[in-house]
Amino acid sequence: MPVPLAASGGQLLPVTPVLGVVTAVLLLAAVAVAGRGLLGHGHAVLRAGLRAVVQLAAVAAVISWVVGSLWWSALFVLVMFSVAVRTAGRRMTPGPGWVWAAAPIGAGVLPVLALLLGVGLLPAEGLSVIPVAGILIGGALSATSLAGRRALDELRLRRGEVEAALALGFEERDARLEICRTAAATSLVPALDQTRTVGLVTLPGAFVGMLLGGSSPVQAGAVQLFVLIGLLAVESVAIVVVLELVGRGLVAAESDGGGR
């Protein structure tokens, strides 16, 4: 019988066959609900769930020796970055302009990582760099894909207003930004809500993980605060860069000549 959380030796959930069965049931339930007429994403949910199984299994198989070398760890982070660029870029636009997703993700993540390594807060070792980089890249990915998609959708829906602004003498960049920046800015709302409600609605993973690992509540809280503030900075920069790319037409909907 699985032991309770408080006595589970630092595990958030006991890894038993029951956990696998419950996970499979939850995935099937998500597929069934998402596949209904209102959502129509049943196949996407199933593919995402199965991909997560395969990818986590692969990561679990290699992470133990990757973290032992700083160079291998750096390569692993580069792979994470590349996958994030492709994912966010393809979410924004099906056109060739998707490669520009590297700019907002890189602009948000690289300065924060460089600062942490430069001042010595983040040890230059894989076990520290990989998880922190993963958190930051994940936040930048979400902000980039959301901001890009919302900005381009807004421009498509309000094309007439863009043309009107151009007729009034606006530069093309300024006309585009005038229409889409408000919609793109809402991409920061999830990060804002997470930060505002931390400790009241959710106990994030870094906080819980450190507590289970034996850290004091103060230590866990300080690290989690850094993670949340760091994500706000990373995602804010990513959204601003996305807006600049969209405003200049470097990232565009396929029907708008994507990536011209």
C-alpha atoms as a PDB file:
ATOM      1  CA  MET A   1       0.000   0.000   0.000  1.00  0.00           C
ATOM      2  CA  PRO A   2       1.390   3.433  -0.911  1.00  0.00           C
ATOM      3  CA  VAL A   3       2.451   5.512   2.053  1.00  0.00           C
ATOM      4  CA  PRO A   4       0.880   8.941   2.641  1.00  0.00           C
ATOM      5  CA  LEU A   5       2.451  12.068   1.149  1.00  0.00           C
ATOM      6  CA  ALA A   6       4.023  13.168   4.430  1.00  0.00           C
ATOM      7  CA  ALA A   7       5.914   9.889   4.701  1.00  0.00           C
ATOM      8  CA  SER A   8       6.590   9.143   1.069  1.00  0.00           C
ATOM      9  CA  GLY A   9      10.311   9.855   1.177  1.00  0.00           C
ATOM     10  CA  GLY A  10      10.143  13.103  -0.727  1.00  0.00           C
ATOM     11  CA  GLN A  11       7.750  12.015  -3.461  1.00  0.00           C
ATOM     12  CA  LEU A  12       4.804  14.177  -4.345  1.00  0.00           C
ATOM     13  CA  LEU A  13       2.913  11.089  -5.557  1.00  0.00           C
ATOM     14  CA  PRO A  14       3.864   7.430  -5.030  1.00  0.00           C
ATOM     15  CA  VAL A  15       5.008   5.889  -8.316  1.00  0.00           C
ATOM     16  CA  THR A  16       2.951   2.701  -8.467  1.00  0.00           C
ATOM     17  CA  PRO A  17       0.884   0.899 -11.115  1.00  0.00           C
ATOM     18  CA  VAL A  18      -2.143   2.706  -9.708  1.00  0.00           C
ATOM     19  CA  LEU A  19      -0.615   6.042 -10.730  1.00  0.00           C
ATOM     20  CA  GLY A  20      -0.225   4.777 -14.289  1.00  0.00           C
ATOM     21  CA  VAL A  21      -3.823   3.557 -14.431  1.00  0.00           C
ATOM     22  CA  VAL A  22      -5.200   6.817 -13.029  1.00  0.00           C
ATOM     23  CA  THR A  23      -3.102   8.839 -15.491  1.00  0.00           C
ATOM     24  CA  ALA A  24      -4.429   6.777 -18.404  1.00  0.00           C
ATOM     25  CA  VAL A  25      -8.016   7.220 -17.203  1.00  0.00           C
ATOM     26  CA  LEU A  26      -7.550  10.982 -16.897  1.00  0.00           C
ATOM     27  CA  LEU A  27      -6.103  11.155 -20.413  1.00  0.00           C
ATOM     28  CA  LEU A  28      -9.050   9.239 -21.848  1.00  0.00           C
ATOM     29  CA  ALA A  29     -11.448  11.498 -19.956  1.00  0.00           C
ATOM     30  CA  ALA A  30      -9.694  14.582 -21.340  1.00  0.00           C
ATOM     31  CA  VAL A  31      -9.866  13.135 -24.865  1.00  0.00           C
ATOM     32  CA  ALA A  32     -13.573  12.387 -24.481  1.00  0.00           C
ATOM     33  CA  VAL A  33     -14.424  15.860 -23.191  1.00  0.00           C
ATOM     34  CA  ALA A  34     -12.161  17.750 -25.602  1.00  0.00           C
ATOM     35  CA  GLY A  35     -13.484  15.718 -28.518  1.00  0.00           C
ATOM     36  CA  ARG A  36     -17.025  16.941 -28.047  1.00  0.00           C
ATOM     37  CA  GLY A  37     -18.508  19.364 -30.548  1.00  0.00           C
ATOM     38  CA  LEU A  38     -17.773  22.491 -28.498  1.00  0.00           C
ATOM     39  CA  LEU A  39     -14.022  21.903 -28.477  1.00  0.00           C
ATOM     40  CA  GLY A  40     -13.129  19.452 -31.220  1.00  0.00           C
ATOM     41  CA  HIS A  41      -9.610  18.818 -29.925  1.00  0.00           C
ATOM     42  CA  GLY A  42      -9.869  15.187 -28.887  1.00  0.00           C
ATOM     43  CA  HIS A  43      -7.165  13.961 -31.266  1.00  0.00           C
ATOM     44  CA  ALA A  44      -4.867  16.839 -30.305  1.00  0.00           C
ATOM     45  CA  VAL A  45      -5.234  15.989 -26.601  1.00  0.00           C
ATOM     46  CA  LEU A  46      -4.529  12.310 -27.261  1.00  0.00           C
ATOM     47  CA  ARG A  47      -1.450  13.091 -29.352  1.00  0.00           C
ATOM     48  CA  ALA A  48      -0.167  15.533 -26.742  1.00  0.00           C
ATOM     49  CA  GLY A  49      -0.612  12.988 -23.965  1.00  0.00           C
ATOM     50  CA  LEU A  50       1.110  10.179 -25.869  1.00  0.00           C
ATOM     51  CA  ARG A  51       3.940  12.491 -26.910  1.00  0.00           C
ATOM     52  CA  ALA A  52       4.422  13.485 -23.289  1.00  0.00           C
ATOM     53  CA  VAL A  53       4.803   9.803 -22.340  1.00  0.00           C
ATOM     54  CA  VAL A  54       7.417   9.171 -25.022  1.00  0.00           C
ATOM     55  CA  GLN A  55       9.315  12.405 -24.421  1.00  0.00           C
ATOM     56  CA  LEU A  56       9.451  12.049 -20.643  1.00  0.00           C
ATOM     57  CA  ALA A  57      10.617   8.447 -21.002  1.00  0.00           C
ATOM     58  CA  ALA A  58      13.396   9.585 -23.342  1.00  0.00           C
ATOM     59  CA  VAL A  59      14.424  12.437 -21.054  1.00  0.00           C
ATOM     60  CA  ALA A  60      14.456  10.132 -18.034  1.00  0.00           C
ATOM     61  CA  ALA A  61      16.748   7.776 -19.939  1.00  0.00           C
ATOM     62  CA  VAL A  62      19.383  10.417 -20.789  1.00  0.00           C
ATOM     63  CA  ILE A  63      19.136  13.100 -18.108  1.00  0.00           C
ATOM     64  CA  SER A  64      21.255  11.212 -15.563  1.00  0.00           C
ATOM     65  CA  TRP A  65      24.381  11.340 -17.735  1.00  0.00           C
ATOM     66  CA  VAL A  66      23.635  14.648 -19.460  1.00  0.00           C
ATOM     67  CA  VAL A  67      23.752  16.597 -16.194  1.00  0.00           C
ATOM     68  CA  GLY A  68      27.219  15.262 -15.464  1.00  0.00           C
ATOM     69  CA  SER A  69      28.774  17.378 -18.221  1.00  0.00           C
ATOM     70  CA  LEU A  70      28.338  21.124 -18.632  1.00  0.00           C
ATOM     71  CA  TRP A  71      28.811  20.854 -22.398  1.00  0.00           C
ATOM     72  CA  TRP A  72      26.218  18.101 -22.779  1.00  0.00           C
ATOM     73  CA  SER A  73      23.904  20.106 -20.539  1.00  0.00           C
ATOM     74  CA  ALA A  74      24.381  23.165 -22.760  1.00  0.00           C
ATOM     75  CA  LEU A  75      23.538  21.040 -25.809  1.00  0.00           C
ATOM     76  CA  PHE A  76      20.439  19.749 -24.042  1.00  0.00           C
ATOM     77  CA  VAL A  77      19.336  23.326 -23.324  1.00  0.00           C
ATOM     78  CA  LEU A  78      19.942  24.191 -26.983  1.00  0.00           C
ATOM     79  CA  VAL A  79      17.667  21.319 -28.020  1.00  0.00           C
ATOM     80  CA  MET A  80      15.011  22.613 -25.615  1.00  0.00           C
ATOM     81  CA  PHE A  81      15.353  26.078 -27.114  1.00  0.00           C
ATOM     82  CA  SER A  82      15.081  24.760 -30.681  1.00  0.00           C
ATOM     83  CA  VAL A  83      11.949  22.764 -29.927  1.00  0.00           C
ATOM     84  CA  ALA A  84      10.412  25.794 -28.214  1.00  0.00           C
ATOM     85  CA  VAL A  85      11.169  27.994 -31.241  1.00  0.00           C
ATOM     86  CA  ARG A  86       9.562  25.553 -33.653  1.00  0.00           C
ATOM     87  CA  THR A  87       6.543  24.991 -31.405  1.00  0.00           C
ATOM     88  CA  ALA A  88       5.892  28.677 -30.746  1.00  0.00           C
ATOM     89  CA  GLY A  89       6.653  29.684 -34.327  1.00  0.00           C
ATOM     90  CA  ARG A  90       4.316  27.119 -35.856  1.00  0.00           C
ATOM     91  CA  ARG A  91       1.634  28.130 -33.397  1.00  0.00           C
ATOM     92  CA  MET A  92       1.958  31.738 -34.537  1.00  0.00           C
ATOM     93  CA  THR A  93       2.047  31.235 -38.283  1.00  0.00           C
ATOM     94  CA  PRO A  94       2.219  28.412 -40.834  1.00  0.00           C
ATOM     95  CA  GLY A  95       4.401  30.612 -43.037  1.00  0.00           C
ATOM     96  CA  PRO A  96       8.231  30.716 -43.121  1.00  0.00           C
ATOM     97  CA  GLY A  97       8.198  33.556 -40.600  1.00  0.00           C
ATOM     98  CA  TRP A  98       7.947  30.997 -37.782  1.00  0.00           C
ATOM     99  CA  VAL A  99      11.765  30.976 -37.484  1.00  0.00           C
ATOM    100  CA  TRP A 100      11.552  34.494 -36.019  1.00  0.00           C
ATOM    101  CA  ALA A 101      10.181  32.917 -32.818  1.00  0.00           C
ATOM    102  CA  ALA A 102      13.835  32.490 -31.861  1.00  0.00           C
ATOM    103  CA  ALA A 103      14.065  36.257 -31.273  1.00  0.00           C
ATOM    104  CA  PRO A 104      11.449  36.681 -28.521  1.00  0.00           C
ATOM    105  CA  ILE A 105      12.356  33.434 -26.770  1.00  0.00           C
ATOM    106  CA  GLY A 106      16.062  34.207 -26.876  1.00  0.00           C
ATOM    107  CA  ALA A 107      15.616  37.851 -25.889  1.00  0.00           C
ATOM    108  CA  GLY A 108      13.619  36.821 -22.840  1.00  0.00           C
ATOM    109  CA  VAL A 109      15.628  33.828 -21.644  1.00  0.00           C
ATOM    110  CA  LEU A 110      19.291  34.519 -22.434  1.00  0.00           C
ATOM    111  CA  PRO A 111      19.722  37.720 -20.378  1.00  0.00           C
ATOM    112  CA  VAL A 112      18.174  36.126 -17.297  1.00  0.00           C
ATOM    113  CA  LEU A 113      20.346  33.011 -17.557  1.00  0.00           C
ATOM    114  CA  ALA A 114      23.441  35.145 -18.176  1.00  0.00           C
ATOM    115  CA  LEU A 115      22.655  37.307 -15.138  1.00  0.00           C
ATOM    116  CA  LEU A 116      22.141  34.300 -12.871  1.00  0.00           C
ATOM    117  CA  LEU A 117      25.352  32.638 -14.022  1.00  0.00           C
ATOM    118  CA  GLY A 118      27.282  35.911 -13.952  1.00  0.00           C
ATOM    119  CA  VAL A 119      26.469  36.767 -10.335  1.00  0.00           C
ATOM    120  CA  GLY A 120      26.921  33.180  -9.178  1.00  0.00           C
ATOM    121  CA  LEU A 121      23.329  32.537  -8.103  1.00  0.00           C
ATOM    122  CA  LEU A 122      23.071  29.675 -10.601  1.00  0.00           C
ATOM    123  CA  PRO A 123      25.926  27.148 -10.411  1.00  0.00           C
ATOM    124  CA  ALA A 124      27.471  26.317 -13.778  1.00  0.00           C
ATOM    125  CA  GLU A 125      26.430  22.681 -13.655  1.00  0.00           C
ATOM    126  CA  GLY A 126      23.798  20.744 -15.540  1.00  0.00           C
ATOM    127  CA  LEU A 127      21.699  19.820 -12.544  1.00  0.00           C
ATOM    128  CA  SER A 128      21.067  23.528 -11.914  1.00  0.00           C
ATOM    129  CA  VAL A 129      21.121  25.008 -15.421  1.00  0.00           C
ATOM    130  CA  ILE A 130      18.764  22.545 -17.136  1.00  0.00           C
ATOM    131  CA  PRO A 131      15.706  22.927 -14.861  1.00  0.00           C
ATOM    132  CA  VAL A 132      16.022  26.719 -14.578  1.00  0.00           C
ATOM    133  CA  ALA A 133      16.486  27.090 -18.333  1.00  0.00           C
ATOM    134  CA  GLY A 134      13.530  24.773 -18.892  1.00  0.00           C
ATOM    135  CA  ILE A 135      11.248  26.879 -16.707  1.00  0.00           C
ATOM    136  CA  LEU A 136      12.265  30.110 -18.433  1.00  0.00           C
ATOM    137  CA  ILE A 137      12.092  28.679 -21.958  1.00  0.00           C
ATOM    138  CA  GLY A 138       8.670  27.211 -21.223  1.00  0.00           C
ATOM    139  CA  GLY A 139       7.359  30.580 -20.081  1.00  0.00           C
ATOM    140  CA  ALA A 140       8.810  32.332 -23.121  1.00  0.00           C
ATOM    141  CA  LEU A 141       7.300  29.685 -25.404  1.00  0.00           C
ATOM    142  CA  SER A 142       3.810  30.229 -24.000  1.00  0.00           C
ATOM    143  CA  ALA A 143       4.061  34.017 -24.159  1.00  0.00           C
ATOM    144  CA  THR A 144       5.450  33.983 -27.692  1.00  0.00           C
ATOM    145  CA  SER A 145       2.852  31.643 -29.147  1.00  0.00           C
ATOM    146  CA  LEU A 146      -0.057  33.372 -27.422  1.00  0.00           C
ATOM    147  CA  ALA A 147       1.068  36.899 -28.253  1.00  0.00           C
ATOM    148  CA  GLY A 148       1.830  36.063 -31.856  1.00  0.00           C
ATOM    149  CA  ARG A 149      -1.401  34.214 -32.455  1.00  0.00           C
ATOM    150  CA  ARG A 150      -3.553  36.878 -30.799  1.00  0.00           C
ATOM    151  CA  ALA A 151      -1.792  39.723 -32.593  1.00  0.00           C
ATOM    152  CA  LEU A 152      -2.157  38.078 -36.003  1.00  0.00           C
ATOM    153  CA  ASP A 153      -5.776  37.117 -35.371  1.00  0.00           C
ATOM    154  CA  GLU A 154      -6.544  40.692 -34.383  1.00  0.00           C
ATOM    155  CA  LEU A 155      -4.903  42.063 -37.513  1.00  0.00           C
ATOM    156  CA  ARG A 156      -6.849  39.662 -39.694  1.00  0.00           C
ATOM    157  CA  LEU A 157     -10.171  40.485 -38.056  1.00  0.00           C
ATOM    158  CA  ARG A 158      -9.557  44.239 -38.097  1.00  0.00           C
ATOM    159  CA  ARG A 159      -7.798  44.571 -41.426  1.00  0.00           C
ATOM    160  CA  GLY A 160     -10.069  47.460 -42.371  1.00  0.00           C
ATOM    161  CA  GLU A 161      -8.926  49.459 -39.358  1.00  0.00           C
ATOM    162  CA  VAL A 162      -5.308  48.910 -40.311  1.00  0.00           C
ATOM    163  CA  GLU A 163      -6.056  50.217 -43.796  1.00  0.00           C
ATOM    164  CA  ALA A 164      -7.853  53.210 -42.294  1.00  0.00           C
ATOM    165  CA  ALA A 165      -4.855  54.016 -40.106  1.00  0.00           C
ATOM    166  CA  LEU A 166      -2.588  53.820 -43.149  1.00  0.00           C
ATOM    167  CA  ALA A 167      -4.910  56.184 -44.994  1.00  0.00           C
ATOM    168  CA  LEU A 168      -4.588  58.643 -42.120  1.00  0.00           C
ATOM    169  CA  GLY A 169      -0.813  58.688 -42.550  1.00  0.00           C
ATOM    170  CA  PHE A 170       0.344  56.064 -40.040  1.00  0.00           C
ATOM    171  CA  GLU A 171       3.478  54.098 -40.867  1.00  0.00           C
ATOM    172  CA  GLU A 172       2.690  50.422 -41.510  1.00  0.00           C
ATOM    173  CA  ARG A 173       4.415  49.339 -38.304  1.00  0.00           C
ATOM    174  CA  ASP A 174       2.533  51.893 -36.223  1.00  0.00           C
ATOM    175  CA  ALA A 175      -0.801  51.029 -37.847  1.00  0.00           C
ATOM    176  CA  ARG A 176      -0.348  47.347 -37.081  1.00  0.00           C
ATOM    177  CA  LEU A 177       0.722  47.935 -33.486  1.00  0.00           C
ATOM    178  CA  GLU A 178      -2.169  50.317 -32.865  1.00  0.00           C
ATOM    179  CA  ILE A 179      -4.591  47.504 -33.693  1.00  0.00           C
ATOM    180  CA  CYS A 180      -2.927  44.405 -32.228  1.00  0.00           C
ATOM    181  CA  ARG A 181      -0.946  45.436 -29.158  1.00  0.00           C
ATOM    182  CA  THR A 182      -3.866  45.295 -26.714  1.00  0.00           C
ATOM    183  CA  ALA A 183      -4.813  41.777 -27.778  1.00  0.00           C
ATOM    184  CA  ALA A 184      -1.203  40.595 -27.618  1.00  0.00           C
ATOM    185  CA  ALA A 185      -0.714  42.156 -24.179  1.00  0.00           C
ATOM    186  CA  THR A 186      -3.374  39.842 -22.729  1.00  0.00           C
ATOM    187  CA  SER A 187      -0.856  37.010 -23.193  1.00  0.00           C
ATOM    188  CA  LEU A 188       0.766  38.193 -19.962  1.00  0.00           C
ATOM    189  CA  VAL A 189      -2.427  37.605 -17.969  1.00  0.00           C
ATOM    190  CA  PRO A 190      -1.723  33.914 -17.083  1.00  0.00           C
ATOM    191  CA  ALA A 191       1.673  34.816 -15.610  1.00  0.00           C
ATOM    192  CA  LEU A 192       0.143  37.766 -13.741  1.00  0.00           C
ATOM    193  CA  ASP A 193      -2.635  35.605 -12.315  1.00  0.00           C
ATOM    194  CA  GLN A 194      -0.176  32.908 -11.262  1.00  0.00           C
ATOM    195  CA  THR A 195       1.969  35.474  -9.456  1.00  0.00           C
ATOM    196  CA  ARG A 196      -0.974  37.231  -7.811  1.00  0.00           C
ATOM    197  CA  THR A 197      -2.494  34.006  -6.482  1.00  0.00           C
ATOM    198  CA  VAL A 198       0.632  32.084  -5.498  1.00  0.00           C
ATOM    199  CA  GLY A 199       0.209  30.563  -2.058  1.00  0.00           C
ATOM    200  CA  LEU A 200      -3.515  31.338  -2.056  1.00  0.00           C
ATOM    201  CA  VAL A 201      -4.778  29.259  -4.968  1.00  0.00           C
ATOM    202  CA  THR A 202      -1.774  27.153  -5.968  1.00  0.00           C
ATOM    203  CA  LEU A 203       1.498  25.951  -4.498  1.00  0.00           C
ATOM    204  CA  PRO A 204       3.822  25.872  -7.547  1.00  0.00           C
ATOM    205  CA  GLY A 205       6.158  23.030  -8.363  1.00  0.00           C
ATOM    206  CA  ALA A 206       9.437  24.665  -7.336  1.00  0.00           C
ATOM    207  CA  PHE A 207       8.021  25.516  -3.901  1.00  0.00           C
ATOM    208  CA  VAL A 208       6.585  22.058  -3.258  1.00  0.00           C
ATOM    209  CA  GLY A 209       9.653  20.308  -4.655  1.00  0.00           C
ATOM    210  CA  MET A 210      12.022  22.188  -2.358  1.00  0.00           C
ATOM    211  CA  LEU A 211       9.852  21.509   0.672  1.00  0.00           C
ATOM    212  CA  LEU A 212       9.777  17.804  -0.125  1.00  0.00           C
ATOM    213  CA  GLY A 213      13.534  17.936  -0.643  1.00  0.00           C
ATOM    214  CA  GLY A 214      14.062  19.203   2.909  1.00  0.00           C
ATOM    215  CA  SER A 215      14.402  22.953   2.381  1.00  0.00           C
ATOM    216  CA  SER A 216      12.859  25.378   4.830  1.00  0.00           C
ATOM    217  CA  PRO A 217       9.644  27.203   3.885  1.00  0.00           C
ATOM    218  CA  VAL A 218      11.616  30.463   3.689  1.00  0.00           C
ATOM    219  CA  GLN A 219      14.143  28.977   1.245  1.00  0.00           C
ATOM    220  CA  ALA A 220      11.397  27.408  -0.851  1.00  0.00           C
ATOM    221  CA  GLY A 221       9.412  30.644  -0.874  1.00  0.00           C
ATOM    222  CA  ALA A 222      12.434  32.719  -1.922  1.00  0.00           C
ATOM    223  CA  VAL A 223      13.229  30.423  -4.850  1.00  0.00           C
ATOM    224  CA  GLN A 224       9.608  30.307  -5.969  1.00  0.00           C
ATOM    225  CA  LEU A 225       9.379  34.095  -5.793  1.00  0.00           C
ATOM    226  CA  PHE A 226      12.433  34.355  -8.023  1.00  0.00           C
ATOM    227  CA  VAL A 227      10.904  31.904 -10.508  1.00  0.00           C
ATOM    228  CA  LEU A 228       7.650  33.877 -10.709  1.00  0.00           C
ATOM    229  CA  ILE A 229       9.348  37.272 -11.065  1.00  0.00           C
ATOM    230  CA  GLY A 230      11.802  35.828 -13.570  1.00  0.00           C
ATOM    231  CA  LEU A 231       8.936  34.474 -15.648  1.00  0.00           C
ATOM    232  CA  LEU A 232       7.212  37.855 -15.606  1.00  0.00           C
ATOM    233  CA  ALA A 233      10.381  39.475 -16.928  1.00  0.00           C
ATOM    234  CA  VAL A 234      10.988  36.787 -19.563  1.00  0.00           C
ATOM    235  CA  GLU A 235       7.409  36.776 -20.818  1.00  0.00           C
ATOM    236  CA  SER A 236       7.141  40.577 -20.883  1.00  0.00           C
ATOM    237  CA  VAL A 237      10.262  40.827 -23.055  1.00  0.00           C
ATOM    238  CA  ALA A 238       9.035  38.025 -25.317  1.00  0.00           C
ATOM    239  CA  ILE A 239       5.677  39.723 -25.897  1.00  0.00           C
ATOM    240  CA  VAL A 240       7.298  43.082 -26.712  1.00  0.00           C
ATOM    241  CA  VAL A 241       9.624  41.432 -29.238  1.00  0.00           C
ATOM    242  CA  VAL A 242       6.725  39.510 -30.802  1.00  0.00           C
ATOM    243  CA  LEU A 243       4.815  42.752 -31.247  1.00  0.00           C
ATOM    244  CA  GLU A 244       7.802  44.339 -32.940  1.00  0.00           C
ATOM    245  CA  LEU A 245       8.119  41.382 -35.308  1.00  0.00           C
ATOM    246  CA  VAL A 246       4.415  41.467 -36.145  1.00  0.00           C
ATOM    247  CA  GLY A 247       4.460  45.242 -36.540  1.00  0.00           C
ATOM    248  CA  ARG A 248       7.312  45.034 -39.021  1.00  0.00           C
ATOM    249  CA  GLY A 249       5.623  42.217 -40.946  1.00  0.00           C
ATOM    250  CA  LEU A 250       8.402  39.698 -40.219  1.00  0.00           C
ATOM    251  CA  VAL A 251       5.803  37.406 -38.671  1.00  0.00           C
ATOM    252  CA  ALA A 252       2.506  37.450 -40.499  1.00  0.00           C
ATOM    253  CA  ALA A 253      -0.522  35.286 -41.164  1.00  0.00           C
ATOM    254  CA  GLU A 254      -0.103  33.141 -44.258  1.00  0.00           C
ATOM    255  CA  SER A 255      -2.901  35.037 -46.010  1.00  0.00           C
ATOM    256  CA  ASP A 256      -0.993  38.271 -45.281  1.00  0.00           C
ATOM    257  CA  GLY A 257       2.144  37.115 -47.005  1.00  0.00           C
ATOM    258  CA  GLY A 258       3.648  35.458 -43.872  1.00  0.00           C
ATOM    259  CA  GLY A 259       7.227  36.297 -43.071  1.00  0.00           C
ATOM    260  CA  ARG A 260       7.797  38.726 -45.921  1.00  0.00           C
END
